[in-house]
């Protein structure tokens, strides 16, 4: 009988969710760099666990759907000196534990 491995919750997803929530709440323009080298500009409309909706302006009726796994970098579109509104900074963890799986034993 195999032991069921219990994994700790992935806090990196929580941090990623907070970042995308901050971008969608502020409606500030962002530049999204994809892993294939493509550069997209727009406003983050919404996001879920796998996708991001990026529009040219907040009232755009045809936003672009981008898979999060294809995103390599997101930067503010109006320069690094512009402040970004963070919804809840008090819930940010001080330490993020890293999950490292144990190697499987070969029979």
Protein backbone atom coordinates (compact mmCIF):
# COMPACT_ATOMS: atom_id res chain seq x y z
CA UNK A 1 0.00 0.00 0.00
CA UNK A 2 1.34 3.41 -0.94
CA UNK A 3 1.43 6.27 1.46
CA UNK A 4 -0.45 9.30 0.26
CA UNK A 5 1.89 12.25 0.06
CA UNK A 6 0.48 15.41 1.60
CA UNK A 7 1.67 18.59 -0.08
CA UNK A 8 1.66 21.97 1.62
CA UNK A 9 -0.48 24.69 0.02
CA UNK A 10 1.28 26.52 -2.80
CA UNK A 11 1.75 30.07 -1.57
CA UNK A 12 3.36 31.13 -4.85
CA UNK A 13 -0.06 30.86 -6.48
CA UNK A 14 -1.45 33.09 -3.74
CA UNK A 15 1.22 35.72 -4.43
CA UNK A 16 0.57 35.48 -8.16
CA UNK A 17 -3.16 35.88 -7.56
CA UNK A 18 -2.50 38.99 -5.44
CA UNK A 19 -0.37 40.50 -8.20
CA UNK A 20 -2.99 39.93 -10.89
CA UNK A 21 -5.73 41.21 -8.57
CA UNK A 22 -3.71 44.38 -7.96
CA UNK A 23 -3.33 44.92 -11.72
CA UNK A 24 -7.01 44.33 -12.39
CA UNK A 25 -8.17 46.59 -9.52
CA UNK A 26 -5.89 49.48 -10.48
CA UNK A 27 -6.77 49.21 -14.21
CA UNK A 28 -3.32 50.60 -14.93
CA UNK A 29 -1.74 49.67 -18.28
CA UNK A 30 0.70 46.77 -18.20
CA UNK A 31 3.16 45.19 -20.62
CA UNK A 32 3.06 41.39 -20.74
CA UNK A 33 6.06 39.54 -22.15
CA UNK A 34 5.35 35.98 -23.24
CA UNK A 35 7.84 33.12 -23.19
CA UNK A 36 7.99 33.07 -27.02
CA UNK A 37 9.15 36.73 -27.10
CA UNK A 38 5.80 38.36 -27.88
CA UNK A 39 5.06 41.67 -26.17
CA UNK A 40 1.44 42.55 -25.34
CA UNK A 41 0.17 45.85 -23.96
CA UNK A 42 -3.14 46.48 -22.28
CA UNK A 43 -5.19 46.49 -19.10
CA UNK A 44 -5.80 43.37 -16.99
CA UNK A 45 -9.56 42.83 -16.92
CA UNK A 46 -9.76 39.55 -14.99
CA UNK A 47 -7.78 36.42 -14.15
CA UNK A 48 -8.36 32.93 -12.84
CA UNK A 49 -6.09 29.99 -12.03
CA UNK A 50 -5.03 29.43 -15.65
CA UNK A 51 -5.84 32.49 -17.78
CA UNK A 52 -5.58 36.26 -17.90
CA UNK A 53 -7.89 38.61 -19.82
CA UNK A 54 -5.99 41.51 -21.35
CA UNK A 55 -7.82 44.35 -23.11
CA UNK A 56 -6.66 47.48 -24.94
CA UNK A 57 -8.86 49.64 -22.68
CA UNK A 58 -11.27 48.83 -19.80
CA UNK A 59 -14.40 49.04 -22.00
CA UNK A 60 -12.99 46.77 -24.73
CA UNK A 61 -15.58 44.20 -25.80
CA UNK A 62 -13.01 41.74 -27.24
CA UNK A 63 -10.20 41.13 -24.72
CA UNK A 64 -7.29 38.82 -25.41
CA UNK A 65 -7.05 35.59 -23.43
CA UNK A 66 -3.50 34.72 -22.33
CA UNK A 67 -2.51 31.50 -20.59
CA UNK A 68 -0.55 32.19 -17.40
CA UNK A 69 1.92 29.44 -18.25
CA UNK A 70 2.95 31.42 -21.34
CA UNK A 71 3.69 34.62 -19.38
CA UNK A 72 7.32 35.27 -18.49
CA UNK A 73 7.15 38.87 -17.21
CA UNK A 74 4.60 41.58 -16.40
CA UNK A 75 5.69 45.20 -15.95
CA UNK A 76 3.68 48.40 -15.46
CA UNK A 77 3.02 50.08 -18.80
CA UNK A 78 3.33 53.63 -17.52
CA UNK A 79 6.80 53.27 -16.03
CA UNK A 80 8.25 51.85 -12.82
CA UNK A 81 7.80 55.12 -10.92
CA UNK A 82 4.00 54.90 -11.04
CA UNK A 83 2.51 53.43 -7.84
CA UNK A 84 0.49 50.21 -8.02
CA UNK A 85 -2.43 49.80 -5.65
CA UNK A 86 -2.12 46.56 -3.68
CA UNK A 87 -5.47 45.34 -2.32
CA UNK A 88 -4.33 43.75 0.96
CA UNK A 89 -0.63 44.06 1.84
CA UNK A 90 -1.16 42.81 5.41
CA UNK A 91 -1.84 39.26 4.21
CA UNK A 92 1.51 38.97 2.37
CA UNK A 93 3.65 36.23 3.96
CA UNK A 94 7.08 37.06 5.37
CA UNK A 95 8.45 33.66 4.46
CA UNK A 96 7.43 31.45 1.56
CA UNK A 97 8.20 27.75 2.17
CA UNK A 98 9.55 25.85 -0.81
CA UNK A 99 8.17 22.39 -1.50
CA UNK A 100 10.83 19.94 -2.62
CA UNK A 101 9.54 16.45 -3.37
CA UNK A 102 11.49 13.48 -2.16
CA UNK A 103 12.99 11.35 -4.91
CA UNK A 104 11.20 8.08 -5.50
CA UNK A 105 13.00 4.92 -4.61
CA UNK A 106 13.52 2.57 -7.47
CA UNK A 107 12.65 -1.05 -6.96
